């Protein structure tokens, strides 16, 4: 069991401080992070909490998964490692355009 938890279905008004204070009911919170949109800075509605032990993390899952948080049922489970990003053909290399640029019609 990992100590890092995924917290989903957060209200957009939630703050990292409130998230940390809430999960502190289950033990020591090492970090609390709400993920925000890079451009707008607005919450994406999910975040991560890192507890100090596996036991505390399991307690938090049992206590808060499905629990009401500002009128919304939370989703709380063990965070999964982020999948590597695929090359989508952007930037240099890849793509099918631009061959033989020196010639004109």
PDB file of N, CA and C in Angstrom:
ATOM      1  N   UNK A   1       0.849  -1.182   0.000  1.00  0.00           N
ATOM      2  CA  UNK A   1       0.000   0.000   0.000  1.00  0.00           C
ATOM      3  C   UNK A   1       0.885   1.232   0.000  1.00  0.00           C
ATOM      4  N   UNK A   2       0.595   2.164  -0.874  1.00  0.00           N
ATOM      5  CA  UNK A   2       1.355   3.405  -0.910  1.00  0.00           C
ATOM      6  C   UNK A   2       0.789   4.423   0.058  1.00  0.00           C
ATOM      7  N   UNK A   3       1.603   5.388   0.385  1.00  0.00           N
ATOM      8  CA  UNK A   3       1.177   6.431   1.309  1.00  0.00           C
ATOM      9  C   UNK A   3       0.551   7.611   0.577  1.00  0.00           C
ATOM     10  N   UNK A   4       0.668   7.637  -0.755  1.00  0.00           N
ATOM     11  CA  UNK A   4       0.115   8.748  -1.523  1.00  0.00           C
ATOM     12  C   UNK A   4      -1.287   8.380  -1.996  1.00  0.00           C
ATOM     13  N   UNK A   5      -2.238   9.289  -1.721  1.00  0.00           N
ATOM     14  CA  UNK A   5      -3.634   9.041  -2.040  1.00  0.00           C
ATOM     15  C   UNK A   5      -4.126   9.992  -3.116  1.00  0.00           C
ATOM     16  N   UNK A   6      -4.951   9.455  -4.014  1.00  0.00           N
ATOM     17  CA  UNK A   6      -5.666  10.257  -5.006  1.00  0.00           C
ATOM     18  C   UNK A   6      -6.978  10.681  -4.369  1.00  0.00           C
ATOM     19  N   UNK A   7      -7.295  11.970  -4.462  1.00  0.00           N
ATOM     20  CA  UNK A   7      -8.541  12.495  -3.914  1.00  0.00           C
ATOM     21  C   UNK A   7      -9.322  13.103  -5.082  1.00  0.00           C
ATOM     22  N   UNK A   8     -10.431  12.500  -5.441  1.00  0.00           N
ATOM     23  CA  UNK A   8     -11.217  12.963  -6.578  1.00  0.00           C
ATOM     24  C   UNK A   8     -12.559  13.531  -6.160  1.00  0.00           C
ATOM     25  N   UNK A   9     -13.192  14.233  -7.089  1.00  0.00           N
ATOM     26  CA  UNK A   9     -14.502  14.853  -6.930  1.00  0.00           C
ATOM     27  C   UNK A   9     -14.481  15.973  -5.887  1.00  0.00           C
ATOM     28  N   UNK A  10     -13.345  16.692  -5.842  1.00  0.00           N
ATOM     29  CA  UNK A  10     -13.240  17.832  -4.929  1.00  0.00           C
ATOM     30  C   UNK A  10     -14.047  19.008  -5.463  1.00  0.00           C
ATOM     31  N   UNK A  11     -14.679  19.759  -4.579  1.00  0.00           N
ATOM     32  CA  UNK A  11     -15.329  20.986  -5.039  1.00  0.00           C
ATOM     33  C   UNK A  11     -14.252  21.977  -5.496  1.00  0.00           C
ATOM     34  N   UNK A  12     -14.577  22.806  -6.469  1.00  0.00           N
ATOM     35  CA  UNK A  12     -13.595  23.754  -6.996  1.00  0.00           C
ATOM     36  C   UNK A  12     -13.168  24.780  -5.962  1.00  0.00           C
ATOM     37  N   UNK A  13     -13.952  24.923  -4.905  1.00  0.00           N
ATOM     38  CA  UNK A  13     -13.630  25.881  -3.841  1.00  0.00           C
ATOM     39  C   UNK A  13     -12.648  25.312  -2.812  1.00  0.00           C
ATOM     40  N   UNK A  14     -12.335  24.031  -2.883  1.00  0.00           N
ATOM     41  CA  UNK A  14     -11.454  23.400  -1.893  1.00  0.00           C
ATOM     42  C   UNK A  14     -10.047  23.993  -1.969  1.00  0.00           C
ATOM     43  N   UNK A  15      -9.407  24.087  -0.806  1.00  0.00           N
ATOM     44  CA  UNK A  15      -8.030  24.572  -0.741  1.00  0.00           C
ATOM     45  C   UNK A  15      -7.126  23.458  -0.214  1.00  0.00           C
ATOM     46  N   UNK A  16      -5.836  23.596  -0.466  1.00  0.00           N
ATOM     47  CA  UNK A  16      -4.882  22.608   0.020  1.00  0.00           C
ATOM     48  C   UNK A  16      -4.865  22.575   1.543  1.00  0.00           C
ATOM     49  N   UNK A  17      -5.044  23.730   2.182  1.00  0.00           N
ATOM     50  CA  UNK A  17      -5.043  23.793   3.640  1.00  0.00           C
ATOM     51  C   UNK A  17      -6.220  23.005   4.212  1.00  0.00           C
ATOM     52  N   UNK A  18      -7.410  23.205   3.652  1.00  0.00           N
ATOM     53  CA  UNK A  18      -8.590  22.479   4.131  1.00  0.00           C
ATOM     54  C   UNK A  18      -8.434  20.978   3.879  1.00  0.00           C
ATOM     55  N   UNK A  19      -7.874  20.613   2.738  1.00  0.00           N
ATOM     56  CA  UNK A  19      -7.641  19.209   2.420  1.00  0.00           C
ATOM     57  C   UNK A  19      -6.695  18.586   3.448  1.00  0.00           C
ATOM     58  N   UNK A  20      -5.617  19.274   3.758  1.00  0.00           N
ATOM     59  CA  UNK A  20      -4.648  18.775   4.744  1.00  0.00           C
ATOM     60  C   UNK A  20      -5.294  18.655   6.127  1.00  0.00           C
ATOM     61  N   UNK A  21      -6.060  19.659   6.523  1.00  0.00           N
ATOM     62  CA  UNK A  21      -6.715  19.626   7.834  1.00  0.00           C
ATOM     63  C   UNK A  21      -7.723  18.477   7.927  1.00  0.00           C
ATOM     64  N   UNK A  22      -8.438  18.235   6.845  1.00  0.00           N
ATOM     65  CA  UNK A  22      -9.430  17.154   6.828  1.00  0.00           C
ATOM     66  C   UNK A  22      -8.751  15.806   6.988  1.00  0.00           C
ATOM     67  N   UNK A  23      -7.699  15.559   6.207  1.00  0.00           N
ATOM     68  CA  UNK A  23      -7.043  14.252   6.246  1.00  0.00           C
ATOM     69  C   UNK A  23      -6.178  14.075   7.489  1.00  0.00           C
ATOM     70  N   UNK A  24      -5.859  15.164   8.188  1.00  0.00           N
ATOM     71  CA  UNK A  24      -5.109  15.072   9.447  1.00  0.00           C
ATOM     72  C   UNK A  24      -5.912  14.343  10.518  1.00  0.00           C
ATOM     73  N   UNK A  25      -7.216  14.190  10.324  1.00  0.00           N
ATOM     74  CA  UNK A  25      -8.039  13.412  11.252  1.00  0.00           C
ATOM     75  C   UNK A  25      -7.597  11.952  11.306  1.00  0.00           C
ATOM     76  N   UNK A  26      -6.892  11.511  10.253  1.00  0.00           N
ATOM     77  CA  UNK A  26      -6.468  10.113  10.155  1.00  0.00           C
ATOM     78  C   UNK A  26      -4.976   9.930  10.443  1.00  0.00           C
ATOM     79  N   UNK A  27      -4.255  11.011  10.684  1.00  0.00           N
ATOM     80  CA  UNK A  27      -2.822  10.896  10.954  1.00  0.00           C
ATOM     81  C   UNK A  27      -2.072  12.099  10.429  1.00  0.00           C
ATOM     82  N   UNK A  28      -0.764  11.939  10.302  1.00  0.00           N
ATOM     83  CA  UNK A  28       0.096  13.031   9.863  1.00  0.00           C
ATOM     84  C   UNK A  28       0.062  13.166   8.352  1.00  0.00           C
ATOM     85  N   UNK A  29      -0.287  14.354   7.880  1.00  0.00           N
ATOM     86  CA  UNK A  29      -0.304  14.646   6.445  1.00  0.00           C
ATOM     87  C   UNK A  29       1.046  15.257   6.087  1.00  0.00           C
ATOM     88  N   UNK A  30       1.787  14.572   5.219  1.00  0.00           N
ATOM     89  CA  UNK A  30       3.093  15.091   4.796  1.00  0.00           C
ATOM     90  C   UNK A  30       2.954  16.142   3.714  1.00  0.00           C
ATOM     91  N   UNK A  31       1.945  15.981   2.839  1.00  0.00           N
ATOM     92  CA  UNK A  31       1.702  16.985   1.803  1.00  0.00           C
ATOM     93  C   UNK A  31       0.273  16.864   1.309  1.00  0.00           C
ATOM     94  N   UNK A  32      -0.250  17.975   0.825  1.00  0.00           N
ATOM     95  CA  UNK A  32      -1.582  18.019   0.221  1.00  0.00           C
ATOM     96  C   UNK A  32      -1.478  18.945  -0.982  1.00  0.00           C
ATOM     97  N   UNK A  33      -1.879  18.451  -2.150  1.00  0.00           N
ATOM     98  CA  UNK A  33      -1.744  19.227  -3.381  1.00  0.00           C
ATOM     99  C   UNK A  33      -3.025  19.097  -4.195  1.00  0.00           C
ATOM    100  N   UNK A  34      -3.609  20.238  -4.556  1.00  0.00           N
ATOM    101  CA  UNK A  34      -4.754  20.256  -5.463  1.00  0.00           C
ATOM    102  C   UNK A  34      -4.216  20.610  -6.841  1.00  0.00           C
ATOM    103  N   UNK A  35      -4.591  19.831  -7.824  1.00  0.00           N
ATOM    104  CA  UNK A  35      -4.100  20.031  -9.186  1.00  0.00           C
ATOM    105  C   UNK A  35      -4.920  21.134  -9.851  1.00  0.00           C
ATOM    106  N   UNK A  36      -4.207  22.093 -10.447  1.00  0.00           N
ATOM    107  CA  UNK A  36      -4.859  23.226 -11.092  1.00  0.00           C
ATOM    108  C   UNK A  36      -4.533  23.264 -12.578  1.00  0.00           C
ATOM    109  N   UNK A  37      -5.401  23.911 -13.323  1.00  0.00           N
ATOM    110  CA  UNK A  37      -5.201  24.101 -14.755  1.00  0.00           C
ATOM    111  C   UNK A  37      -4.021  25.051 -14.961  1.00  0.00           C
ATOM    112  N   UNK A  38      -3.134  24.692 -15.855  1.00  0.00           N
ATOM    113  CA  UNK A  38      -1.927  25.471 -16.098  1.00  0.00           C
ATOM    114  C   UNK A  38      -2.246  26.874 -16.594  1.00  0.00           C
ATOM    115  N   UNK A  39      -3.251  27.018 -17.421  1.00  0.00           N
ATOM    116  CA  UNK A  39      -3.568  28.323 -18.016  1.00  0.00           C
ATOM    117  C   UNK A  39      -4.450  29.193 -17.120  1.00  0.00           C
ATOM    118  N   UNK A  40      -5.510  28.614 -16.579  1.00  0.00           N
ATOM    119  CA  UNK A  40      -6.467  29.421 -15.820  1.00  0.00           C
ATOM    120  C   UNK A  40      -6.160  29.467 -14.324  1.00  0.00           C
ATOM    121  N   UNK A  41      -5.416  28.483 -13.816  1.00  0.00           N
ATOM    122  CA  UNK A  41      -5.140  28.417 -12.396  1.00  0.00           C
ATOM    123  C   UNK A  41      -6.294  27.850 -11.582  1.00  0.00           C
ATOM    124  N   UNK A  42      -7.380  27.465 -12.247  1.00  0.00           N
ATOM    125  CA  UNK A  42      -8.557  26.919 -11.574  1.00  0.00           C
ATOM    126  C   UNK A  42      -8.340  25.436 -11.244  1.00  0.00           C
ATOM    127  N   UNK A  43      -8.898  25.015 -10.122  1.00  0.00           N
ATOM    128  CA  UNK A  43      -8.803  23.623  -9.703  1.00  0.00           C
ATOM    129  C   UNK A  43      -9.381  22.699 -10.776  1.00  0.00           C
ATOM    130  N   UNK A  44      -8.744  21.531 -10.930  1.00  0.00           N
ATOM    131  CA  UNK A  44      -9.272  20.521 -11.847  1.00  0.00           C
ATOM    132  C   UNK A  44     -10.214  19.551 -11.127  1.00  0.00           C
ATOM    133  N   UNK A  45     -10.410  19.761  -9.811  1.00  0.00           N
ATOM    134  CA  UNK A  45     -11.353  18.932  -9.066  1.00  0.00           C
ATOM    135  C   UNK A  45     -10.747  17.668  -8.480  1.00  0.00           C
ATOM    136  N   UNK A  46      -9.410  17.561  -8.483  1.00  0.00           N
ATOM    137  CA  UNK A  46      -8.777  16.418  -7.835  1.00  0.00           C
ATOM    138  C   UNK A  46      -7.426  16.839  -7.275  1.00  0.00           C
ATOM    139  N   UNK A  47      -6.892  15.988  -6.429  1.00  0.00           N
ATOM    140  CA  UNK A  47      -5.603  16.298  -5.827  1.00  0.00           C
ATOM    141  C   UNK A  47      -4.991  15.057  -5.213  1.00  0.00           C
ATOM    142  N   UNK A  48      -3.922  15.273  -4.450  1.00  0.00           N
ATOM    143  CA  UNK A  48      -3.197  14.181  -3.824  1.00  0.00           C
ATOM    144  C   UNK A  48      -2.855  14.552  -2.391  1.00  0.00           C
ATOM    145  N   UNK A  49      -2.927  13.566  -1.522  1.00  0.00           N
ATOM    146  CA  UNK A  49      -2.525  13.729  -0.130  1.00  0.00           C
ATOM    147  C   UNK A  49      -1.536  12.616   0.165  1.00  0.00           C
ATOM    148  N   UNK A  50      -0.431  12.989   0.795  1.00  0.00           N
ATOM    149  CA  UNK A  50       0.548  11.986   1.197  1.00  0.00           C
ATOM    150  C   UNK A  50       0.528  11.874   2.710  1.00  0.00           C
ATOM    151  N   UNK A  51       0.228  10.672   3.184  1.00  0.00           N
ATOM    152  CA  UNK A  51       0.178  10.397   4.616  1.00  0.00           C
ATOM    153  C   UNK A  51       1.541   9.871   5.062  1.00  0.00           C
ATOM    154  N   UNK A  52       1.811   9.915   6.373  1.00  0.00           N
ATOM    155  CA  UNK A  52       3.130   9.524   6.858  1.00  0.00           C
ATOM    156  C   UNK A  52       3.321   8.010   6.966  1.00  0.00           C
ATOM    157  N   UNK A  53       2.226   7.241   6.943  1.00  0.00           N
ATOM    158  CA  UNK A  53       2.376   5.776   6.998  1.00  0.00           C
ATOM    159  C   UNK A  53       1.286   5.112   6.161  1.00  0.00           C
ATOM    160  N   UNK A  54       1.549   3.858   5.821  1.00  0.00           N
ATOM    161  CA  UNK A  54       0.569   3.066   5.070  1.00  0.00           C
ATOM    162  C   UNK A  54      -0.705   2.859   5.882  1.00  0.00           C
ATOM    163  N   UNK A  55      -0.563   2.669   7.179  1.00  0.00           N
ATOM    164  CA  UNK A  55      -1.728   2.463   8.049  1.00  0.00           C
ATOM    165  C   UNK A  55      -2.626   3.695   8.049  1.00  0.00           C
ATOM    166  N   UNK A  56      -2.008   4.880   8.155  1.00  0.00           N
ATOM    167  CA  UNK A  56      -2.797   6.118   8.132  1.00  0.00           C
ATOM    168  C   UNK A  56      -3.472   6.313   6.787  1.00  0.00           C
ATOM    169  N   UNK A  57      -2.780   5.950   5.720  1.00  0.00           N
ATOM    170  CA  UNK A  57      -3.368   6.068   4.377  1.00  0.00           C
ATOM    171  C   UNK A  57      -4.580   5.151   4.250  1.00  0.00           C
ATOM    172  N   UNK A  58      -4.465   3.928   4.731  1.00  0.00           N
ATOM    173  CA  UNK A  58      -5.586   2.988   4.660  1.00  0.00           C
ATOM    174  C   UNK A  58      -6.762   3.483   5.499  1.00  0.00           C
ATOM    175  N   UNK A  59      -6.474   4.050   6.654  1.00  0.00           N
ATOM    176  CA  UNK A  59      -7.526   4.612   7.508  1.00  0.00           C
ATOM    177  C   UNK A  59      -8.245   5.751   6.784  1.00  0.00           C
ATOM    178  N   UNK A  60      -7.475   6.608   6.107  1.00  0.00           N
ATOM    179  CA  UNK A  60      -8.064   7.732   5.368  1.00  0.00           C
ATOM    180  C   UNK A  60      -8.960   7.239   4.231  1.00  0.00           C
ATOM    181  N   UNK A  61      -8.537   6.197   3.531  1.00  0.00           N
ATOM    182  CA  UNK A  61      -9.358   5.633   2.451  1.00  0.00           C
ATOM    183  C   UNK A  61     -10.684   5.134   3.030  1.00  0.00           C
ATOM    184  N   UNK A  62     -10.603   4.376   4.114  1.00  0.00           N
ATOM    185  CA  UNK A  62     -11.806   3.814   4.716  1.00  0.00           C
ATOM    186  C   UNK A  62     -12.745   4.906   5.239  1.00  0.00           C
ATOM    187  N   UNK A  63     -12.167   5.970   5.788  1.00  0.00           N
ATOM    188  CA  UNK A  63     -12.988   7.029   6.378  1.00  0.00           C
ATOM    189  C   UNK A  63     -13.581   7.975   5.338  1.00  0.00           C
ATOM    190  N   UNK A  64     -12.808   8.329   4.304  1.00  0.00           N
ATOM    191  CA  UNK A  64     -13.232   9.403   3.411  1.00  0.00           C
ATOM    192  C   UNK A  64     -13.728   8.968   2.032  1.00  0.00           C
ATOM    193  N   UNK A  65     -13.464   7.751   1.592  1.00  0.00           N
ATOM    194  CA  UNK A  65     -13.965   7.335   0.286  1.00  0.00           C
ATOM    195  C   UNK A  65     -15.487   7.276   0.328  1.00  0.00           C
ATOM    196  N   UNK A  66     -16.138   8.106  -0.473  1.00  0.00           N
ATOM    197  CA  UNK A  66     -17.595   8.184  -0.504  1.00  0.00           C
ATOM    198  C   UNK A  66     -18.169   9.164   0.501  1.00  0.00           C
ATOM    199  N   UNK A  67     -17.322   9.723   1.365  1.00  0.00           N
ATOM    200  CA  UNK A  67     -17.797  10.663   2.381  1.00  0.00           C
ATOM    201  C   UNK A  67     -18.137  12.013   1.749  1.00  0.00           C
ATOM    202  N   UNK A  68     -19.078  12.715   2.363  1.00  0.00           N
ATOM    203  CA  UNK A  68     -19.493  14.031   1.884  1.00  0.00           C
ATOM    204  C   UNK A  68     -18.425  15.078   2.218  1.00  0.00           C
ATOM    205  N   UNK A  69     -18.033  15.844   1.213  1.00  0.00           N
ATOM    206  CA  UNK A  69     -17.067  16.931   1.389  1.00  0.00           C
ATOM    207  C   UNK A  69     -17.632  18.138   0.665  1.00  0.00           C
ATOM    208  N   UNK A  70     -18.184  19.074   1.410  1.00  0.00           N
ATOM    209  CA  UNK A  70     -18.833  20.268   0.843  1.00  0.00           C
ATOM    210  C   UNK A  70     -19.906  19.896  -0.179  1.00  0.00           C
ATOM    211  N   UNK A  71     -20.697  18.870   0.161  1.00  0.00           N
ATOM    212  CA  UNK A  71     -21.808  18.484  -0.695  1.00  0.00           C
ATOM    213  C   UNK A  71     -21.460  17.534  -1.831  1.00  0.00           C
ATOM    214  N   UNK A  72     -20.223  17.052  -1.870  1.00  0.00           N
ATOM    215  CA  UNK A  72     -19.814  16.130  -2.941  1.00  0.00           C
ATOM    216  C   UNK A  72     -19.214  14.868  -2.334  1.00  0.00           C
ATOM    217  N   UNK A  73     -19.548  13.702  -2.874  1.00  0.00           N
ATOM    218  CA  UNK A  73     -18.952  12.463  -2.358  1.00  0.00           C
ATOM    219  C   UNK A  73     -17.512  12.314  -2.871  1.00  0.00           C
ATOM    220  N   UNK A  74     -16.561  12.233  -1.951  1.00  0.00           N
ATOM    221  CA  UNK A  74     -15.156  12.115  -2.339  1.00  0.00           C
ATOM    222  C   UNK A  74     -14.841  10.740  -2.906  1.00  0.00           C
ATOM    223  N   UNK A  75     -13.880  10.700  -3.804  1.00  0.00           N
ATOM    224  CA  UNK A  75     -13.266   9.460  -4.255  1.00  0.00           C
ATOM    225  C   UNK A  75     -11.866   9.462  -3.674  1.00  0.00           C
ATOM    226  N   UNK A  76     -11.565   8.471  -2.854  1.00  0.00           N
ATOM    227  CA  UNK A  76     -10.246   8.386  -2.224  1.00  0.00           C
ATOM    228  C   UNK A  76      -9.703   6.984  -2.442  1.00  0.00           C
ATOM    229  N   UNK A  77      -8.550   6.894  -3.081  1.00  0.00           N
ATOM    230  CA  UNK A  77      -7.890   5.610  -3.248  1.00  0.00           C
ATOM    231  C   UNK A  77      -6.389   5.808  -3.405  1.00  0.00           C
ATOM    232  N   UNK A  78      -5.677   4.709  -3.453  1.00  0.00           N
ATOM    233  CA  UNK A  78      -4.225   4.772  -3.585  1.00  0.00           C
ATOM    234  C   UNK A  78      -3.875   5.393  -4.934  1.00  0.00           C
ATOM    235  N   UNK A  79      -2.945   6.346  -4.914  1.00  0.00           N
ATOM    236  CA  UNK A  79      -2.529   7.007  -6.155  1.00  0.00           C
ATOM    237  C   UNK A  79      -1.725   6.020  -6.999  1.00  0.00           C
ATOM    238  N   UNK A  80      -1.984   6.027  -8.283  1.00  0.00           N
ATOM    239  CA  UNK A  80      -1.243   5.186  -9.235  1.00  0.00           C
ATOM    240  C   UNK A  80      -0.112   6.008  -9.841  1.00  0.00           C
ATOM    241  N   UNK A  81       1.004   5.375 -10.170  1.00  0.00           N
ATOM    242  CA  UNK A  81       2.078   6.124 -10.830  1.00  0.00           C
ATOM    243  C   UNK A  81       1.587   6.705 -12.152  1.00  0.00           C
ATOM    244  N   UNK A  82       2.070   7.906 -12.485  1.00  0.00           N
ATOM    245  CA  UNK A  82       1.652   8.558 -13.721  1.00  0.00           C
ATOM    246  C   UNK A  82       2.225   7.812 -14.919  1.00  0.00           C
ATOM    247  N   UNK A  83       1.376   7.543 -15.897  1.00  0.00           N
ATOM    248  CA  UNK A  83       1.819   6.859 -17.109  1.00  0.00           C
ATOM    249  C   UNK A  83       2.701   7.798 -17.921  1.00  0.00           C
ATOM    250  N   UNK A  84       3.730   7.253 -18.588  1.00  0.00           N
ATOM    251  CA  UNK A  84       4.578   8.127 -19.412  1.00  0.00           C
ATOM    252  C   UNK A  84       3.778   8.720 -20.563  1.00  0.00           C
ATOM    253  N   UNK A  85       4.091   9.969 -20.879  1.00  0.00           N
ATOM    254  CA  UNK A  85       3.387  10.639 -21.971  1.00  0.00           C
ATOM    255  C   UNK A  85       3.880  10.095 -23.304  1.00  0.00           C
ATOM    256  N   UNK A  86       2.957   9.960 -24.234  1.00  0.00           N
ATOM    257  CA  UNK A  86       3.313   9.496 -25.575  1.00  0.00           C
ATOM    258  C   UNK A  86       3.717  10.685 -26.433  1.00  0.00           C
ATOM    259  N   UNK A  87       4.607  10.432 -27.381  1.00  0.00           N
ATOM    260  CA  UNK A  87       4.974  11.475 -28.337  1.00  0.00           C
ATOM    261  C   UNK A  87       3.802  11.644 -29.295  1.00  0.00           C
ATOM    262  N   UNK A  88       3.256  12.831 -29.332  1.00  0.00           N
ATOM    263  CA  UNK A  88       2.071  13.068 -30.166  1.00  0.00           C
ATOM    264  C   UNK A  88       2.428  13.737 -31.484  1.00  0.00           C
ATOM    265  N   UNK A  89       3.700  13.713 -31.872  1.00  0.00           N
ATOM    266  CA  UNK A  89       4.087  14.266 -33.168  1.00  0.00           C
ATOM    267  C   UNK A  89       4.319  15.758 -33.145  1.00  0.00           C
ATOM    268  N   UNK A  90       4.286  16.378 -31.985  1.00  0.00           N
ATOM    269  CA  UNK A  90       4.522  17.810 -31.913  1.00  0.00           C
ATOM    270  C   UNK A  90       6.006  18.131 -31.915  1.00  0.00           C
ATOM    271  N   UNK A  91       6.361  19.342 -32.165  1.00  0.00           N
ATOM    272  CA  UNK A  91       7.760  19.750 -32.124  1.00  0.00           C
ATOM    273  C   UNK A  91       8.514  19.251 -33.337  1.00  0.00           C
ATOM    274  N   UNK A  92       9.769  18.987 -33.161  1.00  0.00           N
ATOM    275  CA  UNK A  92      10.606  18.507 -34.255  1.00  0.00           C
ATOM    276  C   UNK A  92      10.601  16.991 -34.272  1.00  0.00           C
ATOM    277  N   UNK A  93      10.729  16.433 -35.429  1.00  0.00           N
ATOM    278  CA  UNK A  93      10.719  14.984 -35.545  1.00  0.00           C
ATOM    279  C   UNK A  93       9.285  14.495 -35.604  1.00  0.00           C
ATOM    280  N   UNK A  94       8.979  13.664 -36.525  1.00  0.00           N
ATOM    281  CA  UNK A  94       7.614  13.195 -36.680  1.00  0.00           C
ATOM    282  C   UNK A  94       6.829  14.157 -37.552  1.00  0.00           C
ATOM    283  N   UNK A  95       5.608  13.843 -37.786  1.00  0.00           N
ATOM    284  CA  UNK A  95       4.805  14.683 -38.669  1.00  0.00           C
ATOM    285  C   UNK A  95       5.106  14.339 -40.114  1.00  0.00           C
ATOM    286  N   UNK A  96       4.277  14.755 -41.032  1.00  0.00           N
ATOM    287  CA  UNK A  96       4.470  14.375 -42.425  1.00  0.00           C
ATOM    288  C   UNK A  96       4.635  15.549 -43.362  1.00  0.00           C
ATOM    289  N   UNK A  97       4.942  16.709 -42.846  1.00  0.00           N
ATOM    290  CA  UNK A  97       5.012  17.905 -43.686  1.00  0.00           C
ATOM    291  C   UNK A  97       6.430  18.473 -43.685  1.00  0.00           C
ATOM    292  N   UNK A  98       6.729  19.279 -44.663  1.00  0.00           N
ATOM    293  CA  UNK A  98       7.962  20.054 -44.651  1.00  0.00           C
ATOM    294  C   UNK A  98       9.130  19.429 -45.356  1.00  0.00           C
ATOM    295  N   UNK A  99       8.950  18.348 -46.071  1.00  0.00           N
ATOM    296  CA  UNK A  99      10.059  17.734 -46.767  1.00  0.00           C
ATOM    297  C   UNK A  99      10.539  18.583 -47.940  1.00  0.00           C
ATOM    298  N   UNK A 100      11.838  18.625 -48.173  1.00  0.00           N
ATOM    299  CA  UNK A 100      12.452  19.302 -49.310  1.00  0.00           C
ATOM    300  C   UNK A 100      12.022  20.756 -49.385  1.00  0.00           C
ATOM    301  N   UNK A 101      12.349  21.510 -48.385  1.00  0.00           N
ATOM    302  CA  UNK A 101      11.929  22.905 -48.280  1.00  0.00           C
ATOM    303  C   UNK A 101      12.675  23.843 -49.206  1.00  0.00           C
ATOM    304  N   UNK A 102      13.818  23.449 -49.717  1.00  0.00           N
ATOM    305  CA  UNK A 102      14.621  24.355 -50.534  1.00  0.00           C
ATOM    306  C   UNK A 102      14.101  24.526 -51.958  1.00  0.00           C
ATOM    307  N   UNK A 103      13.279  23.619 -52.411  1.00  0.00           N
ATOM    308  CA  UNK A 103      12.807  23.694 -53.804  1.00  0.00           C
ATOM    309  C   UNK A 103      11.519  24.512 -53.890  1.00  0.00           C
ATOM    310  N   UNK A 104      11.436  25.266 -54.960  1.00  0.00           N
ATOM    311  CA  UNK A 104      10.188  25.967 -55.243  1.00  0.00           C
ATOM    312  C   UNK A 104       9.548  25.319 -56.453  1.00  0.00           C
ATOM    313  N   UNK A 105       8.305  25.495 -56.626  1.00  0.00           N
ATOM    314  CA  UNK A 105       7.554  24.899 -57.724  1.00  0.00           C
ATOM    315  C   UNK A 105       8.172  25.330 -58.980  1.00  0.00           C
TER     316      UNK A 105
END
